Amino acid sequence: MNLAPYHDAVIFAERYHLGQVRKYTGEPYVEHCFEVARLLLSRGVTDPDMIRAAILHDVLEDTNAKLWQLVELFGVTVANYVWWLTDQYTPQACPELNRRKRKWFEAQRLSYAPHQVKTIKLADLISNTATIVMHDPGFARIYLEEKRNQVALFNVPQVNRSLWLSAWEACRED
């Protein structure tokens, strides 16, 4: 799927994710962001703000990009979506919470997110799950349980049904 109409977000993501690589594959990290956007496009999502937010979904969490930059360059809606997609219950922010509790709180927080954010998060989950299951089966058991809980909370009519079903299927343990 062509990301050319979203050139501004692509350039920003490439700049801020420069030098980052995916944990299991070693490919440039930004390719994951592009995959999430392409997954949305392939499932009929055409909202430009959602596609830009998908491309930018990890810049606040994984780089030194700032929320004000997203507001200035992409508008309040895109910045808001990216903020929602940024983990708030991190080990740094909540050192008193173990992973299980942090992920539970994060899933609860995201259950209140706009449906557009939930849809983007489902595409993110699909992209991440395939890689984790393939390369780290031990961790995958923990991860899949966390994601099943999250996907269950996203089963609302406004969320892209095709992505929800794919995410649910991706989280199954066979």
Protein backbone atom coordinates (compact mmCIF):
# COMPACT_ATOMS: atom_id res chain seq x y z
CA MET A 1 0.00 0.00 0.00
CA ASN A 2 1.26 3.41 -0.97
CA LEU A 3 2.23 5.80 1.83
CA ALA A 4 3.17 8.64 -0.54
CA PRO A 5 0.13 10.76 0.46
CA TYR A 6 1.50 10.68 4.02
CA HIS A 7 5.00 11.82 3.09
CA ASP A 8 5.12 14.34 5.94
CA ALA A 9 4.57 11.66 8.58
CA VAL A 10 6.90 9.20 6.85
CA ILE A 11 9.76 11.74 6.86
CA PHE A 12 9.13 12.63 10.53
CA ALA A 13 9.04 8.97 11.57
CA GLU A 14 12.18 8.14 9.58
CA ARG A 15 14.00 11.07 11.16
CA TYR A 16 13.07 10.22 14.73
CA HIS A 17 13.43 6.44 14.45
CA LEU A 18 16.75 6.76 12.59
CA GLY A 19 19.20 4.12 13.81
CA GLN A 20 16.58 2.14 15.73
CA VAL A 21 16.13 -1.52 14.82
CA ARG A 22 13.47 -4.07 15.67
CA LYS A 23 14.42 -6.35 18.52
CA TYR A 24 14.02 -9.71 16.80
CA THR A 25 14.61 -8.95 13.13
CA GLY A 26 17.20 -6.20 13.09
CA GLU A 27 15.27 -4.36 10.37
CA PRO A 28 14.87 -0.57 10.65
CA TYR A 29 12.28 0.08 13.35
CA VAL A 30 10.35 2.52 11.20
CA GLU A 31 9.35 -0.37 8.92
CA HIS A 32 7.07 -1.60 11.72
CA CYS A 33 5.36 1.81 11.79
CA PHE A 34 4.85 1.66 8.03
CA GLU A 35 3.49 -1.89 8.32
CA VAL A 36 0.89 -0.72 10.83
CA ALA A 37 -0.24 2.05 8.45
CA ARG A 38 -0.36 -0.36 5.50
CA LEU A 39 -2.43 -2.84 7.53
CA LEU A 40 -4.98 -0.09 8.14
CA LEU A 41 -5.07 0.84 4.46
CA SER A 42 -5.41 -2.81 3.43
CA ARG A 43 -8.50 -3.12 5.66
CA GLY A 44 -10.26 -0.11 4.20
CA VAL A 45 -9.21 2.57 6.68
CA THR A 46 -8.91 5.82 4.74
CA ASP A 47 -8.93 8.49 7.46
CA PRO A 48 -5.71 10.46 6.84
CA ASP A 49 -5.36 11.33 10.54
CA MET A 50 -5.48 7.64 11.47
CA ILE A 51 -2.87 6.72 8.85
CA ARG A 52 -0.55 9.51 9.99
CA ALA A 53 -1.02 8.48 13.62
CA ALA A 54 -0.22 4.88 12.70
CA ILE A 55 3.02 5.97 11.05
CA LEU A 56 3.87 8.09 14.11
CA HIS A 57 2.46 5.77 16.79
CA ASP A 58 5.78 5.09 18.53
CA VAL A 59 7.57 8.45 18.22
CA LEU A 60 6.56 9.73 21.66
CA GLU A 61 7.31 6.43 23.37
CA ASP A 62 10.57 5.50 21.65
CA THR A 63 12.22 8.76 20.56
CA ASN A 64 12.79 12.29 21.81
CA ALA A 65 9.94 13.67 19.67
CA LYS A 66 7.58 15.91 21.63
CA LEU A 67 3.81 16.14 21.66
CA TRP A 68 3.91 19.84 20.76
CA GLN A 69 5.79 18.94 17.55
CA LEU A 70 3.03 16.57 16.53
CA VAL A 71 0.39 19.22 17.26
CA GLU A 72 2.32 21.83 15.28
CA LEU A 73 3.09 19.61 12.27
CA PHE A 74 0.12 17.23 12.09
CA GLY A 75 -2.67 18.82 14.11
CA VAL A 76 -4.41 18.13 17.38
CA THR A 77 -6.25 15.01 16.20
CA VAL A 78 -3.11 13.15 15.07
CA ALA A 79 -1.24 14.25 18.19
CA ASN A 80 -4.13 13.08 20.37
CA TYR A 81 -4.21 9.66 18.69
CA VAL A 82 -0.43 9.26 19.10
CA TRP A 83 -0.66 10.28 22.76
CA TRP A 84 -3.32 7.61 23.35
CA LEU A 85 -1.08 5.05 21.59
CA THR A 86 1.85 5.92 23.87
CA ASP A 87 2.21 3.69 26.94
CA GLN A 88 1.60 5.69 30.11
CA TYR A 89 2.16 2.83 32.58
CA THR A 90 5.87 2.34 31.92
CA PRO A 91 8.43 0.93 34.36
CA GLN A 92 9.87 4.45 34.69
CA ALA A 93 6.50 6.05 35.43
CA CYS A 94 5.24 3.24 37.69
CA PRO A 95 8.23 1.42 39.20
CA GLU A 96 6.02 0.06 41.98
CA LEU A 97 3.93 -1.95 39.49
CA ASN A 98 5.02 -5.25 37.98
CA ARG A 99 4.56 -5.91 34.26
CA ARG A 100 1.24 -7.72 34.73
CA LYS A 101 -0.28 -4.77 36.60
CA ARG A 102 1.16 -2.17 34.21
CA LYS A 103 -0.27 -3.98 31.20
CA TRP A 104 -3.64 -4.39 32.91
CA PHE A 105 -3.81 -0.65 33.69
CA GLU A 106 -2.69 0.19 30.15
CA ALA A 107 -5.43 -2.02 28.67
CA GLN A 108 -8.00 -0.37 30.93
CA ARG A 109 -6.79 3.09 29.90
CA LEU A 110 -7.01 2.18 26.23
CA SER A 111 -10.54 0.88 26.68
CA TYR A 112 -11.53 4.57 27.02
CA ALA A 113 -9.61 5.63 23.90
CA PRO A 114 -11.41 6.81 20.77
CA HIS A 115 -12.34 3.97 18.42
CA GLN A 116 -9.81 5.26 15.88
CA VAL A 117 -7.02 4.68 18.42
CA LYS A 118 -8.31 1.19 19.19
CA THR A 119 -8.29 0.39 15.48
CA ILE A 120 -4.69 1.58 15.10
CA LYS A 121 -3.70 -0.36 18.22
CA LEU A 122 -5.16 -3.53 16.72
CA ALA A 123 -2.98 -3.12 13.61
CA ASP A 124 0.04 -2.50 15.88
CA LEU A 125 -0.78 -5.63 17.84
CA ILE A 126 -1.05 -7.73 14.66
CA SER A 127 2.32 -6.48 13.45
CA ASN A 128 4.06 -7.09 16.78
CA THR A 129 2.44 -10.44 17.52
CA ALA A 130 3.67 -12.19 14.40
CA THR A 131 7.26 -11.21 15.15
CA ILE A 132 7.13 -12.09 18.84
CA VAL A 133 5.48 -15.48 18.30
CA MET A 134 8.03 -16.39 15.63
CA HIS A 135 11.16 -15.26 17.48
CA ASP A 136 10.39 -15.54 21.20
CA PRO A 137 7.87 -18.30 22.00
CA GLY A 138 8.58 -18.14 25.75
CA PHE A 139 7.72 -14.46 26.03
CA ALA A 140 4.91 -14.92 23.50
CA ARG A 141 2.82 -16.84 26.06
CA ILE A 142 2.87 -13.83 28.43
CA TYR A 143 2.42 -11.33 25.61
CA LEU A 144 -0.50 -13.19 24.03
CA GLU A 145 -2.40 -13.31 27.32
CA GLU A 146 -1.92 -9.56 27.77
CA LYS A 147 -3.08 -8.87 24.23
CA ARG A 148 -6.12 -11.17 24.42
CA ASN A 149 -7.29 -9.14 27.41
CA GLN A 150 -6.74 -5.92 25.49
CA VAL A 151 -8.41 -7.10 22.28
CA ALA A 152 -11.46 -8.26 24.26
CA LEU A 153 -11.90 -4.70 25.55
CA PHE A 154 -11.79 -3.35 21.98
CA ASN A 155 -14.77 -5.39 20.77
CA VAL A 156 -16.99 -2.40 20.09
CA PRO A 157 -19.08 -1.67 16.96
CA GLN A 158 -17.02 1.34 15.82
CA VAL A 159 -13.72 -0.57 15.60
CA ASN A 160 -12.75 -1.99 12.21
CA ARG A 161 -14.19 -5.51 12.45
CA SER A 162 -11.70 -7.09 10.06
CA LEU A 163 -8.77 -5.84 12.13
CA TRP A 164 -10.43 -6.89 15.37
CA LEU A 165 -10.98 -10.43 14.08
CA SER A 166 -7.40 -10.64 12.80
CA ALA A 167 -6.04 -9.37 16.11
CA TRP A 168 -8.17 -11.86 18.05
CA GLU A 169 -6.92 -14.67 15.81
CA ALA A 170 -3.30 -13.50 16.16
CA CYS A 171 -3.61 -13.67 19.97
CA ARG A 172 -4.83 -17.24 20.08
CA GLU A 173 -2.48 -19.81 21.51
CA ASP A 174 -2.55 -22.99 19.46
